[in-house]
Amino acid sequence: MIGTSHPIVVRRSVLATGLLLLAIVGQELCPASLNAADLPGQLARAAVFLRAGDYRQVLEACQEEVKQAPSARSYVYLTYAYHALDGYLQHLANTDQWVRVEQLYVNLSTGRVEDLLDPPDVLARIAKEVIQQAVQRQADVTAAMAARLDESLVKRLWQEQTAWRQARPDDWWSGAPPEWQWGRP
């Protein structure tokens, strides 16, 4: 009996050894847990998206920051992302760039392959109003949450962003105040 099961035991041992070696090689190539320094932080990603004008990704990165590290600071950053979107949208409207408003609407509303076959058509001026009202409402909510967590920090951060806006009135929405250290894109 032992003689007939021996080849099966050997095959299982070889198979187990192979799987173990494969797992070790896999761990070396794709570690299960990466250090935070190995991955760009959500705010560093948001800073790049902000410079690119990809506000959907900016909002998603800031929302992820709130989920991963909830704090008054992360809520202020999310609120600032809403304000930056609102500022950019107002800039486009003030400079009569309605095609870009439509592009912004598409950026915020799409992201699926199906949208290429059935693109949303919307009047740019209506889109501006809809987006701005929603953004302002969300900014108010996140600002209130931040203030509940640390009102003095929120006050200081808003003073920094006010100075940032005053120093860069024509493009403040394309970046965050440098004191906030969102990352170097």
N, C-alpha and C. Protein backbone atom coordinates (compact mmCIF):
# COMPACT_ATOMS: atom_id res chain seq x y z
N MET A 1 0.82 -1.18 0.00
CA MET A 1 0.00 0.00 0.00
C MET A 1 0.86 1.26 0.00
N ILE A 2 1.93 1.21 0.78
CA ILE A 2 2.81 2.36 0.84
C ILE A 2 3.49 2.58 -0.50
N GLY A 3 3.84 1.50 -1.15
CA GLY A 3 4.49 1.59 -2.44
C GLY A 3 3.61 2.22 -3.51
N THR A 4 2.31 1.99 -3.48
CA THR A 4 1.42 2.56 -4.48
C THR A 4 1.07 4.01 -4.20
N SER A 5 1.08 4.43 -2.94
CA SER A 5 0.74 5.83 -2.62
C SER A 5 1.97 6.72 -2.64
N HIS A 6 3.12 6.15 -2.66
CA HIS A 6 4.35 6.93 -2.62
C HIS A 6 4.46 7.93 -3.79
N PRO A 7 4.18 7.53 -5.04
CA PRO A 7 4.25 8.51 -6.13
C PRO A 7 3.26 9.67 -5.94
N ILE A 8 2.10 9.41 -5.36
CA ILE A 8 1.13 10.49 -5.10
C ILE A 8 1.67 11.44 -4.05
N VAL A 9 2.28 10.91 -3.01
CA VAL A 9 2.86 11.74 -1.95
C VAL A 9 3.98 12.60 -2.53
N VAL A 10 4.80 12.02 -3.38
CA VAL A 10 5.89 12.77 -4.02
C VAL A 10 5.33 13.89 -4.89
N ARG A 11 4.30 13.57 -5.69
CA ARG A 11 3.69 14.59 -6.54
C ARG A 11 3.11 15.73 -5.71
N ARG A 12 2.45 15.38 -4.61
CA ARG A 12 1.88 16.41 -3.74
C ARG A 12 2.98 17.27 -3.12
N SER A 13 4.07 16.63 -2.73
CA SER A 13 5.18 17.38 -2.14
C SER A 13 5.80 18.33 -3.16
N VAL A 14 5.97 17.84 -4.37
CA VAL A 14 6.52 18.67 -5.44
C VAL A 14 5.56 19.82 -5.74
N LEU A 15 4.27 19.51 -5.79
CA LEU A 15 3.27 20.54 -6.05
C LEU A 15 3.26 21.58 -4.93
N ALA A 16 3.31 21.12 -3.68
CA ALA A 16 3.32 22.04 -2.54
C ALA A 16 4.57 22.90 -2.55
N THR A 17 5.71 22.29 -2.84
CA THR A 17 6.96 23.05 -2.90
C THR A 17 6.90 24.09 -4.02
N GLY A 18 6.35 23.70 -5.17
CA GLY A 18 6.21 24.64 -6.29
C GLY A 18 5.31 25.81 -5.94
N LEU A 19 4.20 25.51 -5.29
CA LEU A 19 3.29 26.58 -4.88
C LEU A 19 3.93 27.51 -3.86
N LEU A 20 4.70 26.92 -2.94
CA LEU A 20 5.40 27.74 -1.95
C LEU A 20 6.41 28.66 -2.62
N LEU A 21 7.18 28.13 -3.56
CA LEU A 21 8.15 28.95 -4.30
C LEU A 21 7.44 30.04 -5.10
N LEU A 22 6.32 29.68 -5.71
CA LEU A 22 5.55 30.66 -6.46
C LEU A 22 5.04 31.78 -5.55
N ALA A 23 4.58 31.42 -4.37
CA ALA A 23 4.09 32.41 -3.40
C ALA A 23 5.23 33.33 -2.95
N ILE A 24 6.42 32.77 -2.73
CA ILE A 24 7.57 33.57 -2.31
C ILE A 24 7.97 34.55 -3.42
N VAL A 25 8.03 34.05 -4.64
CA VAL A 25 8.36 34.91 -5.78
C VAL A 25 7.30 35.99 -5.94
N GLY A 26 6.03 35.61 -5.78
CA GLY A 26 4.94 36.58 -5.88
C GLY A 26 5.04 37.67 -4.82
N GLN A 27 5.43 37.28 -3.59
CA GLN A 27 5.59 38.26 -2.52
C GLN A 27 6.71 39.25 -2.86
N GLU A 28 7.76 38.77 -3.45
CA GLU A 28 8.88 39.65 -3.82
C GLU A 28 8.50 40.61 -4.94
N LEU A 29 7.74 40.10 -5.91
CA LEU A 29 7.36 40.94 -7.04
C LEU A 29 6.22 41.89 -6.71
N CYS A 30 5.27 41.44 -5.91
CA CYS A 30 4.08 42.23 -5.55
C CYS A 30 3.84 42.10 -4.07
N PRO A 31 4.53 42.88 -3.23
CA PRO A 31 4.33 42.75 -1.79
C PRO A 31 2.88 43.02 -1.41
N ALA A 32 2.39 42.28 -0.44
CA ALA A 32 0.99 42.41 -0.02
C ALA A 32 0.71 43.77 0.59
N SER A 33 1.62 44.27 1.38
CA SER A 33 1.40 45.58 1.99
C SER A 33 2.56 46.50 1.64
N LEU A 34 2.26 47.56 0.97
CA LEU A 34 3.28 48.53 0.60
C LEU A 34 3.35 49.61 1.65
N ASN A 35 4.51 50.15 1.84
CA ASN A 35 4.64 51.29 2.75
C ASN A 35 3.96 52.50 2.15
N ALA A 36 3.53 53.41 3.01
CA ALA A 36 2.88 54.63 2.53
C ALA A 36 3.83 55.42 1.63
N ALA A 37 5.13 55.33 1.90
CA ALA A 37 6.10 56.05 1.08
C ALA A 37 6.21 55.48 -0.33
N ASP A 38 5.81 54.21 -0.50
CA ASP A 38 5.89 53.57 -1.81
C ASP A 38 4.78 54.03 -2.75
N LEU A 39 3.67 54.50 -2.21
CA LEU A 39 2.54 54.92 -3.01
C LEU A 39 2.32 56.42 -2.88
N PRO A 40 1.93 57.08 -3.96
CA PRO A 40 1.63 58.50 -3.82
C PRO A 40 0.39 58.66 -2.96
N GLY A 41 0.40 59.63 -2.05
CA GLY A 41 -0.75 59.88 -1.20
C GLY A 41 -1.91 60.44 -2.00
N GLN A 42 -3.08 60.34 -1.41
CA GLN A 42 -4.28 60.84 -2.08
C GLN A 42 -4.14 62.33 -2.40
N LEU A 43 -3.56 63.09 -1.49
CA LEU A 43 -3.45 64.53 -1.73
C LEU A 43 -2.41 64.84 -2.81
N ALA A 44 -1.36 64.04 -2.88
CA ALA A 44 -0.38 64.23 -3.96
C ALA A 44 -1.05 63.94 -5.30
N ARG A 45 -1.88 62.90 -5.34
CA ARG A 45 -2.63 62.60 -6.56
C ARG A 45 -3.60 63.74 -6.87
N ALA A 46 -4.28 64.24 -5.84
CA ALA A 46 -5.23 65.33 -6.04
C ALA A 46 -4.53 66.56 -6.60
N ALA A 47 -3.31 66.82 -6.14
CA ALA A 47 -2.56 67.99 -6.63
C ALA A 47 -2.28 67.87 -8.13
N VAL A 48 -1.94 66.68 -8.58
CA VAL A 48 -1.69 66.47 -10.01
C VAL A 48 -2.99 66.64 -10.80
N PHE A 49 -4.06 66.04 -10.31
CA PHE A 49 -5.35 66.16 -10.99
C PHE A 49 -5.83 67.61 -11.02
N LEU A 50 -5.56 68.35 -9.96
CA LEU A 50 -5.95 69.76 -9.91
C LEU A 50 -5.22 70.56 -10.98
N ARG A 51 -3.93 70.31 -11.12
CA ARG A 51 -3.16 71.00 -12.15
C ARG A 51 -3.64 70.64 -13.55
N ALA A 52 -4.09 69.39 -13.72
CA ALA A 52 -4.58 68.94 -15.03
C ALA A 52 -6.00 69.41 -15.30
N GLY A 53 -6.70 69.87 -14.28
CA GLY A 53 -8.09 70.28 -14.44
C GLY A 53 -9.05 69.10 -14.45
N ASP A 54 -8.64 67.97 -13.89
CA ASP A 54 -9.48 66.78 -13.82
C ASP A 54 -10.19 66.79 -12.46
N TYR A 55 -11.24 67.59 -12.38
CA TYR A 55 -11.89 67.83 -11.09
C TYR A 55 -12.62 66.60 -10.55
N ARG A 56 -13.07 65.72 -11.39
CA ARG A 56 -13.70 64.49 -10.91
C ARG A 56 -12.69 63.69 -10.10
N GLN A 57 -11.49 63.55 -10.65
CA GLN A 57 -10.44 62.80 -9.94
C GLN A 57 -9.97 63.54 -8.69
N VAL A 58 -9.95 64.87 -8.74
CA VAL A 58 -9.57 65.66 -7.56
C VAL A 58 -10.54 65.36 -6.42
N LEU A 59 -11.83 65.44 -6.74
CA LEU A 59 -12.85 65.19 -5.72
C LEU A 59 -12.76 63.77 -5.19
N GLU A 60 -12.58 62.81 -6.08
CA GLU A 60 -12.49 61.42 -5.64
C GLU A 60 -11.27 61.19 -4.75
N ALA A 61 -10.13 61.80 -5.10
CA ALA A 61 -8.93 61.65 -4.27
C ALA A 61 -9.12 62.29 -2.90
N CYS A 62 -9.73 63.46 -2.87
CA CYS A 62 -9.97 64.13 -1.58
C CYS A 62 -11.01 63.37 -0.76
N GLN A 63 -12.02 62.81 -1.40
CA GLN A 63 -13.00 62.00 -0.68
C GLN A 63 -12.34 60.76 -0.10
N GLU A 64 -11.42 60.18 -0.84
CA GLU A 64 -10.69 59.01 -0.36
C GLU A 64 -9.81 59.39 0.83
N GLU A 65 -9.22 60.59 0.79
CA GLU A 65 -8.42 61.07 1.91
C GLU A 65 -9.29 61.18 3.17
N VAL A 66 -10.51 61.67 3.02
CA VAL A 66 -11.42 61.76 4.15
C VAL A 66 -11.73 60.37 4.70
N LYS A 67 -11.91 59.40 3.80
CA LYS A 67 -12.21 58.03 4.24
C LYS A 67 -11.02 57.40 4.95
N GLN A 68 -9.81 57.61 4.40
CA GLN A 68 -8.62 56.95 4.95
C GLN A 68 -8.11 57.64 6.21
N ALA A 69 -8.21 58.96 6.24
CA ALA A 69 -7.66 59.72 7.37
C ALA A 69 -8.60 60.86 7.73
N PRO A 70 -9.77 60.54 8.28
CA PRO A 70 -10.73 61.61 8.59
C PRO A 70 -10.18 62.57 9.63
N SER A 71 -10.27 63.85 9.31
CA SER A 71 -9.80 64.89 10.22
C SER A 71 -10.36 66.21 9.73
N ALA A 72 -10.22 67.22 10.56
CA ALA A 72 -10.66 68.56 10.15
C ALA A 72 -9.91 68.97 8.89
N ARG A 73 -8.62 68.67 8.85
CA ARG A 73 -7.79 69.03 7.71
C ARG A 73 -8.28 68.35 6.43
N SER A 74 -8.58 67.05 6.50
CA SER A 74 -9.01 66.35 5.28
C SER A 74 -10.37 66.88 4.82
N TYR A 75 -11.25 67.25 5.75
CA TYR A 75 -12.53 67.83 5.34
C TYR A 75 -12.34 69.21 4.73
N VAL A 76 -11.40 69.98 5.24
CA VAL A 76 -11.11 71.30 4.65
C VAL A 76 -10.57 71.11 3.24
N TYR A 77 -9.70 70.13 3.05
CA TYR A 77 -9.14 69.89 1.73
C TYR A 77 -10.24 69.50 0.74
N LEU A 78 -11.17 68.68 1.17
CA LEU A 78 -12.29 68.32 0.31
C LEU A 78 -13.15 69.55 0.00
N THR A 79 -13.38 70.36 1.01
CA THR A 79 -14.14 71.59 0.79
C THR A 79 -13.42 72.50 -0.20
N TYR A 80 -12.10 72.59 -0.06
CA TYR A 80 -11.32 73.41 -0.99
C TYR A 80 -11.45 72.86 -2.41
N ALA A 81 -11.47 71.55 -2.56
CA ALA A 81 -11.62 70.96 -3.90
C ALA A 81 -12.95 71.39 -4.52
N TYR A 82 -14.01 71.41 -3.71
CA TYR A 82 -15.30 71.90 -4.20
C TYR A 82 -15.20 73.38 -4.58
N HIS A 83 -14.54 74.17 -3.75
CA HIS A 83 -14.38 75.59 -4.05
C HIS A 83 -13.56 75.81 -5.31
N ALA A 84 -12.51 75.00 -5.49
CA ALA A 84 -11.68 75.12 -6.69
C ALA A 84 -12.49 74.82 -7.94
N LEU A 85 -13.31 73.81 -7.88
CA LEU A 85 -14.19 73.48 -9.01
C LEU A 85 -15.14 74.64 -9.29
N ASP A 86 -15.71 75.19 -8.24
CA ASP A 86 -16.62 76.32 -8.38
C ASP A 86 -15.88 77.54 -8.98
N GLY A 87 -14.67 77.80 -8.50
CA GLY A 87 -13.89 78.93 -9.02
C GLY A 87 -13.53 78.76 -10.49
N TYR A 88 -13.15 77.56 -10.86
CA TYR A 88 -12.81 77.29 -12.26
C TYR A 88 -14.05 77.45 -13.14
N LEU A 89 -15.15 76.94 -12.69
CA LEU A 89 -16.40 77.05 -13.43
C LEU A 89 -16.81 78.51 -13.61
N GLN A 90 -16.67 79.29 -12.55
CA GLN A 90 -17.01 80.71 -12.65
C GLN A 90 -16.06 81.44 -13.60
N HIS A 91 -14.79 81.07 -13.56
CA HIS A 91 -13.81 81.65 -14.48
C HIS A 91 -14.20 81.37 -15.93
N LEU A 92 -14.58 80.13 -16.21
CA LEU A 92 -14.99 79.77 -17.57
C LEU A 92 -16.21 80.58 -18.00
N ALA A 93 -17.16 80.74 -17.11
CA ALA A 93 -18.37 81.51 -17.44
C ALA A 93 -18.03 82.98 -17.65
N ASN A 94 -17.18 83.53 -16.79
CA ASN A 94 -16.81 84.95 -16.91
C ASN A 94 -16.03 85.24 -18.19
N THR A 95 -15.28 84.26 -18.66
CA THR A 95 -14.49 84.46 -19.88
C THR A 95 -15.18 83.88 -21.11
N ASP A 96 -16.45 83.55 -20.96
CA ASP A 96 -17.30 83.09 -22.06
C ASP A 96 -16.73 81.85 -22.75
N GLN A 97 -16.26 80.90 -21.96
CA GLN A 97 -15.70 79.66 -22.49
C GLN A 97 -16.68 78.51 -22.26
N TRP A 98 -17.81 78.57 -22.95
CA TRP A 98 -18.90 77.63 -22.71
C TRP A 98 -18.60 76.22 -23.22
N VAL A 99 -17.75 76.11 -24.21
CA VAL A 99 -17.36 74.77 -24.68
C VAL A 99 -16.61 74.05 -23.56
N ARG A 100 -15.77 74.78 -22.86
CA ARG A 100 -15.04 74.17 -21.74
C ARG A 100 -15.98 73.81 -20.59
N VAL A 101 -17.04 74.58 -20.41
CA VAL A 101 -18.04 74.22 -19.39
C VAL A 101 -18.65 72.87 -19.77
N GLU A 102 -18.98 72.70 -21.05
CA GLU A 102 -19.52 71.42 -21.49
C GLU A 102 -18.50 70.30 -21.26
N GLN A 103 -17.22 70.57 -21.54
CA GLN A 103 -16.19 69.56 -21.32
C GLN A 103 -16.07 69.21 -19.84
N LEU A 104 -16.19 70.21 -18.99
CA LEU A 104 -16.15 69.98 -17.55
C LEU A 104 -17.33 69.12 -17.12
N TYR A 105 -18.49 69.40 -17.67
CA TYR A 105 -19.68 68.60 -17.37
C TYR A 105 -19.45 67.14 -17.76
N VAL A 106 -18.90 66.94 -18.93
CA VAL A 106 -18.63 65.57 -19.38
C VAL A 106 -17.61 64.91 -18.46
N ASN A 107 -16.57 65.65 -18.05
CA ASN A 107 -15.57 65.10 -17.14
C ASN A 107 -16.20 64.67 -15.82
N LEU A 108 -17.12 65.45 -15.31
CA LEU A 108 -17.74 65.14 -14.03
C LEU A 108 -18.77 64.02 -14.13
N SER A 109 -19.40 63.89 -15.29
CA SER A 109 -20.52 62.96 -15.38
C SER A 109 -20.17 61.64 -16.03
N THR A 110 -19.04 61.52 -16.67
CA THR A 110 -18.75 60.30 -17.41
C THR A 110 -17.50 59.61 -16.89
N GLY A 111 -17.13 58.61 -17.58
CA GLY A 111 -15.95 57.85 -17.22
C GLY A 111 -16.10 56.40 -17.63
N ARG A 112 -17.18 56.13 -18.34
CA ARG A 112 -17.43 54.77 -18.79
C ARG A 112 -17.29 54.72 -20.31
N VAL A 113 -16.95 53.56 -20.83
CA VAL A 113 -16.80 53.38 -22.27
C VAL A 113 -18.13 53.62 -22.97
N GLU A 114 -19.25 53.25 -22.34
CA GLU A 114 -20.56 53.43 -22.97
C GLU A 114 -20.85 54.89 -23.30
N ASP A 115 -20.25 55.80 -22.54
CA ASP A 115 -20.48 57.23 -22.77
C ASP A 115 -19.94 57.70 -24.11
N LEU A 116 -19.01 56.94 -24.69
CA LEU A 116 -18.49 57.30 -26.00
C LEU A 116 -19.54 57.06 -27.08
N LEU A 117 -20.40 56.10 -26.85
CA LEU A 117 -21.44 55.78 -27.82
C LEU A 117 -22.70 56.61 -27.64
N ASP A 118 -22.93 57.07 -26.42
CA ASP A 118 -24.13 57.85 -26.11
C ASP A 118 -23.73 59.04 -25.25
N PRO A 119 -23.01 60.01 -25.84
CA PRO A 119 -22.52 61.12 -25.02
C PRO A 119 -23.67 62.00 -24.53
N PRO A 120 -23.52 62.51 -23.32
CA PRO A 120 -24.57 63.38 -22.80
C PRO A 120 -24.51 64.75 -23.48
N ASP A 121 -25.64 65.21 -23.96
CA ASP A 121 -25.71 66.55 -24.55
C ASP A 121 -26.44 67.43 -23.55
N VAL A 122 -25.81 68.54 -23.22
CA VAL A 122 -26.41 69.43 -22.24
C VAL A 122 -26.06 70.86 -22.61
N LEU A 123 -26.96 71.74 -22.35
CA LEU A 123 -26.66 73.14 -22.56
C LEU A 123 -25.67 73.60 -21.50
N ALA A 124 -24.62 74.25 -21.93
CA ALA A 124 -23.53 74.60 -21.02
C ALA A 124 -23.98 75.53 -19.89
N ARG A 125 -24.82 76.47 -20.16
CA ARG A 125 -25.24 77.41 -19.11
C ARG A 125 -26.08 76.71 -18.05
N ILE A 126 -26.89 75.75 -18.46
CA ILE A 126 -27.66 74.98 -17.48
C ILE A 126 -26.72 74.10 -16.67
N ALA A 127 -25.76 73.49 -17.35
CA ALA A 127 -24.79 72.64 -16.66
C ALA A 127 -24.03 73.45 -15.62
N LYS A 128 -23.65 74.66 -15.96
CA LYS A 128 -22.93 75.53 -15.01
C LYS A 128 -23.75 75.74 -13.75
N GLU A 129 -25.01 76.06 -13.91
CA GLU A 129 -25.87 76.32 -12.75
C GLU A 129 -26.05 75.06 -11.91
N VAL A 130 -26.29 73.94 -12.56
CA VAL A 130 -26.50 72.68 -11.84
C VAL A 130 -25.25 72.31 -11.05
N ILE A 131 -24.10 72.37 -11.72
CA ILE A 131 -22.84 72.00 -11.07
C ILE A 131 -22.54 72.95 -9.92
N GLN A 132 -22.66 74.24 -10.16
CA GLN A 132 -22.33 75.21 -9.10
C GLN A 132 -23.22 75.05 -7.88
N GLN A 133 -24.50 74.86 -8.07
CA GLN A 133 -25.38 74.69 -6.92
C GLN A 133 -25.01 73.45 -6.11
N ALA A 134 -24.73 72.35 -6.80
CA ALA A 134 -24.37 71.11 -6.10
C ALA A 134 -23.03 71.26 -5.39
N VAL A 135 -22.07 71.88 -6.04
CA VAL A 135 -20.74 72.07 -5.46
C VAL A 135 -20.82 72.96 -4.23
N GLN A 136 -21.55 74.04 -4.32
CA GLN A 136 -21.67 74.96 -3.18
C GLN A 136 -22.34 74.27 -1.99
N ARG A 137 -23.36 73.46 -2.27
CA ARG A 137 -24.05 72.72 -1.21
C ARG A 137 -23.10 71.73 -0.54
N GLN A 138 -22.35 70.97 -1.34
CA GLN A 138 -21.41 70.00 -0.79
C GLN A 138 -20.29 70.70 -0.01
N ALA A 139 -19.82 71.83 -0.51
CA ALA A 139 -18.77 72.58 0.19
C ALA A 139 -19.26 73.04 1.55
N ASP A 140 -20.48 73.49 1.63
CA ASP A 140 -21.04 73.92 2.92
C ASP A 140 -21.09 72.76 3.91
N VAL A 141 -21.48 71.59 3.43
CA VAL A 141 -21.59 70.41 4.29
C VAL A 141 -20.21 70.01 4.81
N THR A 142 -19.22 69.90 3.93
CA THR A 142 -17.89 69.46 4.37
C THR A 142 -17.21 70.51 5.23
N ALA A 143 -17.45 71.78 4.95
CA ALA A 143 -16.87 72.84 5.79
C ALA A 143 -17.44 72.76 7.21
N ALA A 144 -18.72 72.50 7.34
CA ALA A 144 -19.33 72.36 8.66
C ALA A 144 -18.76 71.16 9.41
N MET A 145 -18.52 70.06 8.69
CA MET A 145 -17.94 68.87 9.33
C MET A 145 -16.54 69.16 9.83
N ALA A 146 -15.76 69.86 9.01
CA ALA A 146 -14.40 70.21 9.41
C ALA A 146 -14.42 71.10 10.65
N ALA A 147 -15.30 72.08 10.68
CA ALA A 147 -15.37 73.00 11.82
C ALA A 147 -15.77 72.26 13.10
N ARG A 148 -16.62 71.24 12.99
CA ARG A 148 -16.99 70.47 14.17
C ARG A 148 -15.80 69.73 14.76
N LEU A 149 -14.86 69.35 13.90
CA LEU A 149 -13.70 68.57 14.37
C LEU A 149 -12.62 69.45 14.99
N ASP A 150 -12.34 70.61 14.38
CA ASP A 150 -11.27 71.48 14.90
C ASP A 150 -11.44 72.88 14.33
N GLU A 151 -12.22 73.68 15.03
CA GLU A 151 -12.58 75.00 14.51
C GLU A 151 -11.37 75.93 14.35
N SER A 152 -10.42 75.89 15.28
CA SER A 152 -9.26 76.79 15.18
C SER A 152 -8.37 76.41 13.99
N LEU A 153 -8.19 75.11 13.75
CA LEU A 153 -7.41 74.67 12.59
C LEU A 153 -8.10 75.10 11.30
N VAL A 154 -9.40 74.90 11.23
CA VAL A 154 -10.16 75.26 10.04
C VAL A 154 -10.03 76.76 9.77
N LYS A 155 -10.11 77.57 10.79
CA LYS A 155 -9.98 79.02 10.63
C LYS A 155 -8.61 79.37 10.05
N ARG A 156 -7.56 78.74 10.57
CA ARG A 156 -6.20 79.01 10.07
C ARG A 156 -6.05 78.57 8.62
N LEU A 157 -6.57 77.39 8.30
CA LEU A 157 -6.47 76.89 6.92
C LEU A 157 -7.23 77.79 5.95
N TRP A 158 -8.38 78.29 6.35
CA TRP A 158 -9.13 79.18 5.45
C TRP A 158 -8.44 80.53 5.29
N GLN A 159 -7.71 80.98 6.31
CA GLN A 159 -6.91 82.20 6.15
C GLN A 159 -5.81 81.96 5.11
N GLU A 160 -5.19 80.80 5.15
CA GLU A 160 -4.15 80.46 4.18
C GLU A 160 -4.73 80.38 2.77
N GLN A 161 -5.91 79.78 2.62
CA GLN A 161 -6.49 79.68 1.28
C GLN A 161 -6.98 81.03 0.79
N THR A 162 -7.40 81.91 1.68
CA THR A 162 -7.80 83.26 1.27
C THR A 162 -6.59 84.02 0.73
N ALA A 163 -5.47 83.90 1.43
CA ALA A 163 -4.23 84.55 0.95
C ALA A 163 -3.81 83.96 -0.40
N TRP A 164 -3.96 82.66 -0.56
CA TRP A 164 -3.63 81.98 -1.82
C TRP A 164 -4.50 82.52 -2.95
N ARG A 165 -5.79 82.66 -2.71
CA ARG A 165 -6.70 83.18 -3.73
C ARG A 165 -6.35 84.61 -4.10
N GLN A 166 -6.01 85.41 -3.11
CA GLN A 166 -5.67 86.81 -3.39
C GLN A 166 -4.36 86.92 -4.16
N ALA A 167 -3.43 86.04 -3.89
CA ALA A 167 -2.13 86.08 -4.58
C ALA A 167 -2.24 85.57 -6.02
N ARG A 168 -3.22 84.74 -6.30
CA ARG A 168 -3.37 84.15 -7.63
C ARG A 168 -4.82 84.25 -8.10
N PRO A 169 -5.33 85.43 -8.31
CA PRO A 169 -6.76 85.59 -8.64
C PRO A 169 -7.16 84.95 -9.97
N ASP A 170 -6.23 84.77 -10.88
CA ASP A 170 -6.58 84.26 -12.21
C ASP A 170 -6.48 82.74 -12.36
N ASP A 171 -5.90 82.05 -11.37
CA ASP A 171 -5.78 80.59 -11.52
C ASP A 171 -5.65 79.86 -10.18
N TRP A 172 -6.13 80.44 -9.10
CA TRP A 172 -5.99 79.80 -7.79
C TRP A 172 -6.58 78.40 -7.76
N TRP A 173 -7.60 78.15 -8.57
CA TRP A 173 -8.29 76.86 -8.58
C TRP A 173 -7.47 75.75 -9.20
N SER A 174 -6.32 76.07 -9.78
CA SER A 174 -5.49 75.04 -10.42
C SER A 174 -4.43 74.48 -9.46
N GLY A 175 -4.53 74.81 -8.22
CA GLY A 175 -3.60 74.29 -7.22
C GLY A 175 -4.10 74.60 -5.83
N ALA A 176 -3.41 74.06 -4.84
CA ALA A 176 -3.76 74.30 -3.44
C ALA A 176 -2.68 75.17 -2.82
N PRO A 177 -3.00 75.87 -1.73
CA PRO A 177 -1.97 76.68 -1.07
C PRO A 177 -0.74 75.84 -0.74
N PRO A 178 0.45 76.35 -1.00
CA PRO A 178 1.66 75.55 -0.79
C PRO A 178 1.86 75.13 0.67
N GLU A 179 1.32 75.91 1.61
CA GLU A 179 1.45 75.54 3.02
C GLU A 179 0.73 74.23 3.33
N TRP A 180 -0.21 73.86 2.50
CA TRP A 180 -0.99 72.64 2.74
C TRP A 180 -0.23 71.39 2.35
N GLN A 181 0.82 71.54 1.58
CA GLN A 181 1.72 70.44 1.20
C GLN A 181 0.98 69.21 0.69
N TRP A 182 0.21 69.41 -0.36
CA TRP A 182 -0.53 68.29 -0.96
C TRP A 182 0.41 67.35 -1.69
N GLY A 183 1.58 67.78 -1.95
CA GLY A 183 2.53 66.93 -2.68
C GLY A 183 3.10 67.69 -3.84
N ARG A 184 4.21 67.23 -4.28
CA ARG A 184 4.89 67.87 -5.40
C ARG A 184 4.56 67.12 -6.67
N PRO A 185 3.68 67.69 -7.54
CA PRO A 185 3.36 67.00 -8.80
C PRO A 185 4.52 67.00 -9.77
